[in-house]
Amino acid sequence: MARLHESLDAVGRHLQREDPSVRYEGAWAMRNKYADLRDDELLIRLHEKFSQKVNFERIDAKYHRSIEQLPAKRLKILGGAFLVWLVPAAMLYASGSAVAWVIRGFRQSNA
């Protein structure tokens, strides 16, 4: 989605530079004009029509970099989720152990 948004934004800014009377309302407004097309179809058409005028290589390179970094980001999120689960569980276990230790201490002193 970010790739499409950046491509639409680049085309919109190009059209506005080419003809200052054109009012660019943003990528999402531009996307709504082509609601009948899927995202991949719209990207193909943008590349076909504006590849000589707009630098899509920077946008595509950024997209591919983000795709390459996705497994590491996913692993980082899973690690964080594991810690969010582990820390409260460990604290609860430690609290239960402490309460049991105190109870055992009182029972032994009464005997």
N, C-alpha and C. Protein backbone atom coordinates (compact mmCIF):
# COMPACT_ATOMS: atom_id res chain seq x y z
N MET A 1 0.82 -1.19 0.00
CA MET A 1 0.00 0.00 0.00
C MET A 1 0.86 1.26 0.00
N ALA A 2 1.95 1.22 0.72
CA ALA A 2 2.83 2.39 0.76
C ALA A 2 3.46 2.64 -0.60
N ARG A 3 3.75 1.56 -1.31
CA ARG A 3 4.33 1.70 -2.65
C ARG A 3 3.35 2.41 -3.57
N LEU A 4 2.09 2.00 -3.54
CA LEU A 4 1.08 2.64 -4.37
C LEU A 4 0.89 4.09 -3.96
N HIS A 5 0.83 4.34 -2.66
CA HIS A 5 0.64 5.70 -2.16
C HIS A 5 1.77 6.61 -2.61
N GLU A 6 3.01 6.14 -2.48
CA GLU A 6 4.16 6.96 -2.89
C GLU A 6 4.18 7.17 -4.40
N SER A 7 3.80 6.14 -5.16
CA SER A 7 3.76 6.28 -6.62
C SER A 7 2.70 7.29 -7.04
N LEU A 8 1.53 7.19 -6.44
CA LEU A 8 0.46 8.15 -6.75
C LEU A 8 0.87 9.57 -6.36
N ASP A 9 1.53 9.69 -5.23
CA ASP A 9 1.99 10.99 -4.78
C ASP A 9 3.02 11.58 -5.74
N ALA A 10 3.95 10.75 -6.20
CA ALA A 10 4.97 11.22 -7.14
C ALA A 10 4.34 11.66 -8.47
N VAL A 11 3.36 10.90 -8.95
CA VAL A 11 2.68 11.26 -10.20
C VAL A 11 1.89 12.54 -10.00
N GLY A 12 1.19 12.66 -8.88
CA GLY A 12 0.41 13.87 -8.61
C GLY A 12 1.29 15.10 -8.53
N ARG A 13 2.43 14.99 -7.85
CA ARG A 13 3.35 16.13 -7.78
C ARG A 13 3.93 16.46 -9.15
N HIS A 14 4.20 15.43 -9.97
CA HIS A 14 4.70 15.67 -11.33
C HIS A 14 3.65 16.41 -12.16
N LEU A 15 2.40 15.97 -12.08
CA LEU A 15 1.34 16.61 -12.85
C LEU A 15 1.15 18.07 -12.43
N GLN A 16 1.29 18.33 -11.15
CA GLN A 16 1.14 19.69 -10.65
C GLN A 16 2.31 20.57 -11.11
N ARG A 17 3.52 20.01 -11.14
CA ARG A 17 4.67 20.78 -11.64
C ARG A 17 4.52 21.06 -13.14
N GLU A 18 4.01 20.08 -13.86
CA GLU A 18 3.86 20.21 -15.31
C GLU A 18 2.80 21.25 -15.66
N ASP A 19 1.71 21.27 -14.90
CA ASP A 19 0.62 22.22 -15.15
C ASP A 19 0.18 22.80 -13.80
N PRO A 20 0.65 24.00 -13.46
CA PRO A 20 0.33 24.58 -12.14
C PRO A 20 -1.17 24.77 -11.89
N SER A 21 -1.98 24.77 -12.93
CA SER A 21 -3.42 24.92 -12.72
C SER A 21 -4.06 23.64 -12.17
N VAL A 22 -3.33 22.52 -12.28
CA VAL A 22 -3.84 21.26 -11.75
C VAL A 22 -3.75 21.29 -10.24
N ARG A 23 -4.83 20.95 -9.59
CA ARG A 23 -4.86 20.93 -8.12
C ARG A 23 -4.69 19.49 -7.66
N TYR A 24 -3.57 19.22 -7.01
CA TYR A 24 -3.30 17.88 -6.50
C TYR A 24 -3.88 17.76 -5.10
N GLU A 25 -4.80 16.82 -4.91
CA GLU A 25 -5.52 16.69 -3.65
C GLU A 25 -5.00 15.56 -2.76
N GLY A 26 -3.95 14.90 -3.18
CA GLY A 26 -3.39 13.84 -2.37
C GLY A 26 -3.55 12.48 -3.02
N ALA A 27 -2.75 11.54 -2.55
CA ALA A 27 -2.72 10.21 -3.15
C ALA A 27 -4.04 9.47 -2.96
N TRP A 28 -4.65 9.61 -1.79
CA TRP A 28 -5.90 8.86 -1.55
C TRP A 28 -7.03 9.40 -2.41
N ALA A 29 -7.09 10.69 -2.62
CA ALA A 29 -8.11 11.26 -3.50
C ALA A 29 -7.88 10.77 -4.93
N MET A 30 -6.61 10.71 -5.31
CA MET A 30 -6.28 10.22 -6.64
C MET A 30 -6.63 8.73 -6.77
N ARG A 31 -6.40 7.96 -5.70
CA ARG A 31 -6.71 6.53 -5.72
C ARG A 31 -8.20 6.31 -5.89
N ASN A 32 -9.02 7.14 -5.27
CA ASN A 32 -10.46 6.98 -5.37
C ASN A 32 -10.98 7.20 -6.78
N LYS A 33 -10.25 7.97 -7.58
CA LYS A 33 -10.66 8.18 -8.98
C LYS A 33 -10.52 6.91 -9.79
N TYR A 34 -9.65 6.00 -9.34
CA TYR A 34 -9.41 4.75 -10.04
C TYR A 34 -9.84 3.57 -9.18
N ALA A 35 -10.97 3.69 -8.55
CA ALA A 35 -11.45 2.65 -7.62
C ALA A 35 -11.78 1.34 -8.34
N ASP A 36 -12.00 1.40 -9.65
CA ASP A 36 -12.32 0.18 -10.39
C ASP A 36 -11.10 -0.69 -10.65
N LEU A 37 -9.90 -0.17 -10.41
CA LEU A 37 -8.66 -0.92 -10.63
C LEU A 37 -8.11 -1.47 -9.32
N ARG A 38 -7.54 -2.68 -9.41
CA ARG A 38 -6.83 -3.22 -8.25
C ARG A 38 -5.52 -2.45 -8.09
N ASP A 39 -4.91 -2.55 -6.91
CA ASP A 39 -3.67 -1.81 -6.64
C ASP A 39 -2.56 -2.16 -7.62
N ASP A 40 -2.40 -3.48 -7.88
CA ASP A 40 -1.33 -3.88 -8.78
C ASP A 40 -1.59 -3.42 -10.22
N GLU A 41 -2.85 -3.42 -10.64
CA GLU A 41 -3.18 -2.92 -11.98
C GLU A 41 -2.89 -1.43 -12.09
N LEU A 42 -3.23 -0.68 -11.07
CA LEU A 42 -2.98 0.76 -11.08
C LEU A 42 -1.48 1.05 -11.10
N LEU A 43 -0.70 0.30 -10.33
CA LEU A 43 0.75 0.48 -10.35
C LEU A 43 1.33 0.21 -11.74
N ILE A 44 0.87 -0.84 -12.38
CA ILE A 44 1.35 -1.16 -13.73
C ILE A 44 1.02 -0.02 -14.69
N ARG A 45 -0.20 0.48 -14.62
CA ARG A 45 -0.59 1.58 -15.52
C ARG A 45 0.20 2.86 -15.24
N LEU A 46 0.44 3.15 -13.97
CA LEU A 46 1.24 4.33 -13.63
C LEU A 46 2.65 4.20 -14.19
N HIS A 47 3.23 3.02 -14.04
CA HIS A 47 4.59 2.79 -14.54
C HIS A 47 4.62 2.89 -16.07
N GLU A 48 3.60 2.35 -16.73
CA GLU A 48 3.56 2.42 -18.19
C GLU A 48 3.45 3.85 -18.69
N LYS A 49 2.62 4.63 -18.03
CA LYS A 49 2.34 5.98 -18.53
C LYS A 49 3.39 7.01 -18.10
N PHE A 50 3.93 6.88 -16.89
CA PHE A 50 4.78 7.95 -16.35
C PHE A 50 6.23 7.51 -16.09
N SER A 51 6.63 6.35 -16.59
CA SER A 51 7.99 5.87 -16.28
C SER A 51 9.08 6.80 -16.81
N GLN A 52 8.82 7.51 -17.89
CA GLN A 52 9.82 8.43 -18.43
C GLN A 52 9.84 9.77 -17.68
N LYS A 53 8.78 10.07 -16.96
CA LYS A 53 8.65 11.38 -16.32
C LYS A 53 8.84 11.35 -14.81
N VAL A 54 8.58 10.22 -14.19
CA VAL A 54 8.65 10.10 -12.73
C VAL A 54 9.65 9.01 -12.37
N ASN A 55 10.46 9.25 -11.36
CA ASN A 55 11.47 8.29 -10.92
C ASN A 55 10.84 7.26 -9.98
N PHE A 56 10.40 6.15 -10.57
CA PHE A 56 9.80 5.08 -9.77
C PHE A 56 10.86 4.17 -9.17
N GLU A 57 12.11 4.25 -9.66
CA GLU A 57 13.15 3.35 -9.14
C GLU A 57 13.40 3.57 -7.66
N ARG A 58 13.39 4.82 -7.22
CA ARG A 58 13.61 5.12 -5.80
C ARG A 58 12.47 4.52 -4.96
N ILE A 59 11.25 4.67 -5.43
CA ILE A 59 10.09 4.14 -4.71
C ILE A 59 10.15 2.62 -4.66
N ASP A 60 10.47 1.99 -5.80
CA ASP A 60 10.55 0.53 -5.85
C ASP A 60 11.69 0.00 -4.98
N ALA A 61 12.83 0.70 -4.98
CA ALA A 61 13.96 0.28 -4.15
C ALA A 61 13.59 0.35 -2.67
N LYS A 62 12.91 1.42 -2.29
CA LYS A 62 12.48 1.56 -0.90
C LYS A 62 11.51 0.45 -0.52
N TYR A 63 10.60 0.11 -1.42
CA TYR A 63 9.63 -0.96 -1.20
C TYR A 63 10.35 -2.30 -1.02
N HIS A 64 11.30 -2.60 -1.91
CA HIS A 64 12.01 -3.87 -1.83
C HIS A 64 12.88 -3.95 -0.56
N ARG A 65 13.47 -2.83 -0.15
CA ARG A 65 14.22 -2.81 1.11
C ARG A 65 13.31 -3.13 2.29
N SER A 66 12.13 -2.55 2.29
CA SER A 66 11.21 -2.80 3.40
C SER A 66 10.74 -4.26 3.40
N ILE A 67 10.58 -4.85 2.22
CA ILE A 67 10.20 -6.26 2.15
C ILE A 67 11.34 -7.14 2.66
N GLU A 68 12.58 -6.78 2.33
CA GLU A 68 13.73 -7.55 2.81
C GLU A 68 13.87 -7.46 4.33
N GLN A 69 13.50 -6.34 4.92
CA GLN A 69 13.62 -6.15 6.37
C GLN A 69 12.45 -6.75 7.14
N LEU A 70 11.44 -7.18 6.44
CA LEU A 70 10.23 -7.68 7.08
C LEU A 70 10.47 -8.86 8.03
N PRO A 71 11.25 -9.88 7.65
CA PRO A 71 11.46 -10.99 8.61
C PRO A 71 12.10 -10.53 9.92
N ALA A 72 13.06 -9.63 9.84
CA ALA A 72 13.70 -9.14 11.07
C ALA A 72 12.71 -8.35 11.92
N LYS A 73 11.90 -7.53 11.29
CA LYS A 73 10.88 -6.77 12.04
C LYS A 73 9.87 -7.72 12.68
N ARG A 74 9.49 -8.74 11.95
CA ARG A 74 8.52 -9.71 12.46
C ARG A 74 9.09 -10.44 13.68
N LEU A 75 10.37 -10.84 13.58
CA LEU A 75 11.02 -11.52 14.69
C LEU A 75 11.12 -10.61 15.91
N LYS A 76 11.42 -9.33 15.69
CA LYS A 76 11.50 -8.38 16.79
C LYS A 76 10.14 -8.22 17.47
N ILE A 77 9.07 -8.17 16.70
CA ILE A 77 7.73 -8.04 17.27
C ILE A 77 7.36 -9.31 18.05
N LEU A 78 7.70 -10.48 17.48
CA LEU A 78 7.41 -11.73 18.20
C LEU A 78 8.20 -11.82 19.49
N GLY A 79 9.46 -11.38 19.47
CA GLY A 79 10.26 -11.36 20.69
C GLY A 79 9.67 -10.44 21.74
N GLY A 80 9.22 -9.28 21.31
CA GLY A 80 8.58 -8.34 22.23
C GLY A 80 7.30 -8.91 22.81
N ALA A 81 6.51 -9.58 21.96
CA ALA A 81 5.26 -10.18 22.44
C ALA A 81 5.55 -11.30 23.44
N PHE A 82 6.61 -12.06 23.18
CA PHE A 82 7.00 -13.12 24.11
C PHE A 82 7.39 -12.52 25.46
N LEU A 83 8.14 -11.42 25.43
CA LEU A 83 8.54 -10.77 26.69
C LEU A 83 7.34 -10.18 27.41
N VAL A 84 6.40 -9.63 26.67
CA VAL A 84 5.18 -9.10 27.29
C VAL A 84 4.41 -10.21 27.98
N TRP A 85 4.47 -11.42 27.45
CA TRP A 85 3.82 -12.55 28.10
C TRP A 85 4.68 -13.08 29.26
N LEU A 86 5.99 -13.19 29.04
CA LEU A 86 6.88 -13.83 30.00
C LEU A 86 7.05 -13.02 31.30
N VAL A 87 7.24 -11.73 31.20
CA VAL A 87 7.51 -10.91 32.39
C VAL A 87 6.34 -10.96 33.38
N PRO A 88 5.09 -10.70 32.97
CA PRO A 88 3.99 -10.80 33.96
C PRO A 88 3.82 -12.22 34.50
N ALA A 89 4.01 -13.24 33.63
CA ALA A 89 3.88 -14.62 34.11
C ALA A 89 4.95 -14.93 35.16
N ALA A 90 6.18 -14.49 34.90
CA ALA A 90 7.26 -14.71 35.87
C ALA A 90 7.01 -13.95 37.17
N MET A 91 6.49 -12.74 37.07
CA MET A 91 6.19 -11.95 38.27
C MET A 91 5.08 -12.61 39.07
N LEU A 92 4.08 -13.12 38.38
CA LEU A 92 2.98 -13.81 39.06
C LEU A 92 3.50 -15.08 39.75
N TYR A 93 4.34 -15.82 39.06
CA TYR A 93 4.93 -17.02 39.66
C TYR A 93 5.77 -16.67 40.88
N ALA A 94 6.60 -15.62 40.76
CA ALA A 94 7.44 -15.20 41.88
C ALA A 94 6.59 -14.73 43.06
N SER A 95 5.51 -14.00 42.78
CA SER A 95 4.61 -13.55 43.85
C SER A 95 3.97 -14.75 44.55
N GLY A 96 3.53 -15.72 43.77
CA GLY A 96 2.93 -16.93 44.36
C GLY A 96 3.93 -17.69 45.19
N SER A 97 5.16 -17.77 44.72
CA SER A 97 6.22 -18.46 45.48
C SER A 97 6.52 -17.72 46.78
N ALA A 98 6.52 -16.40 46.73
CA ALA A 98 6.78 -15.60 47.94
C ALA A 98 5.66 -15.79 48.95
N VAL A 99 4.42 -15.77 48.48
CA VAL A 99 3.28 -15.98 49.39
C VAL A 99 3.35 -17.37 49.99
N ALA A 100 3.67 -18.37 49.20
CA ALA A 100 3.78 -19.75 49.72
C ALA A 100 4.92 -19.85 50.74
N TRP A 101 6.02 -19.16 50.51
CA TRP A 101 7.16 -19.17 51.43
C TRP A 101 6.76 -18.56 52.78
N VAL A 102 6.02 -17.43 52.71
CA VAL A 102 5.56 -16.78 53.95
C VAL A 102 4.60 -17.70 54.70
N ILE A 103 3.68 -18.30 53.98
CA ILE A 103 2.70 -19.21 54.63
C ILE A 103 3.42 -20.38 55.27
N ARG A 104 4.39 -20.97 54.57
CA ARG A 104 5.18 -22.07 55.13
C ARG A 104 5.93 -21.62 56.38
N GLY A 105 6.42 -20.41 56.35
CA GLY A 105 7.14 -19.88 57.52
C GLY A 105 6.23 -19.76 58.74
N PHE A 106 5.00 -19.29 58.56
CA PHE A 106 4.07 -19.21 59.68
C PHE A 106 3.64 -20.57 60.17
N ARG A 107 3.45 -21.52 59.29
CA ARG A 107 3.03 -22.86 59.70
C ARG A 107 4.13 -23.56 60.48
N GLN A 108 5.39 -23.35 60.10
CA GLN A 108 6.49 -24.00 60.82
C GLN A 108 6.69 -23.39 62.21
N SER A 109 6.43 -22.10 62.36
CA SER A 109 6.64 -21.47 63.66
C SER A 109 5.53 -21.85 64.65
N ASN A 110 4.35 -22.19 64.17
CA ASN A 110 3.24 -22.61 65.03
C ASN A 110 3.43 -24.05 65.52
N ALA A 111 4.15 -24.85 64.82
CA ALA A 111 4.28 -26.26 65.16
C ALA A 111 5.19 -26.54 66.31
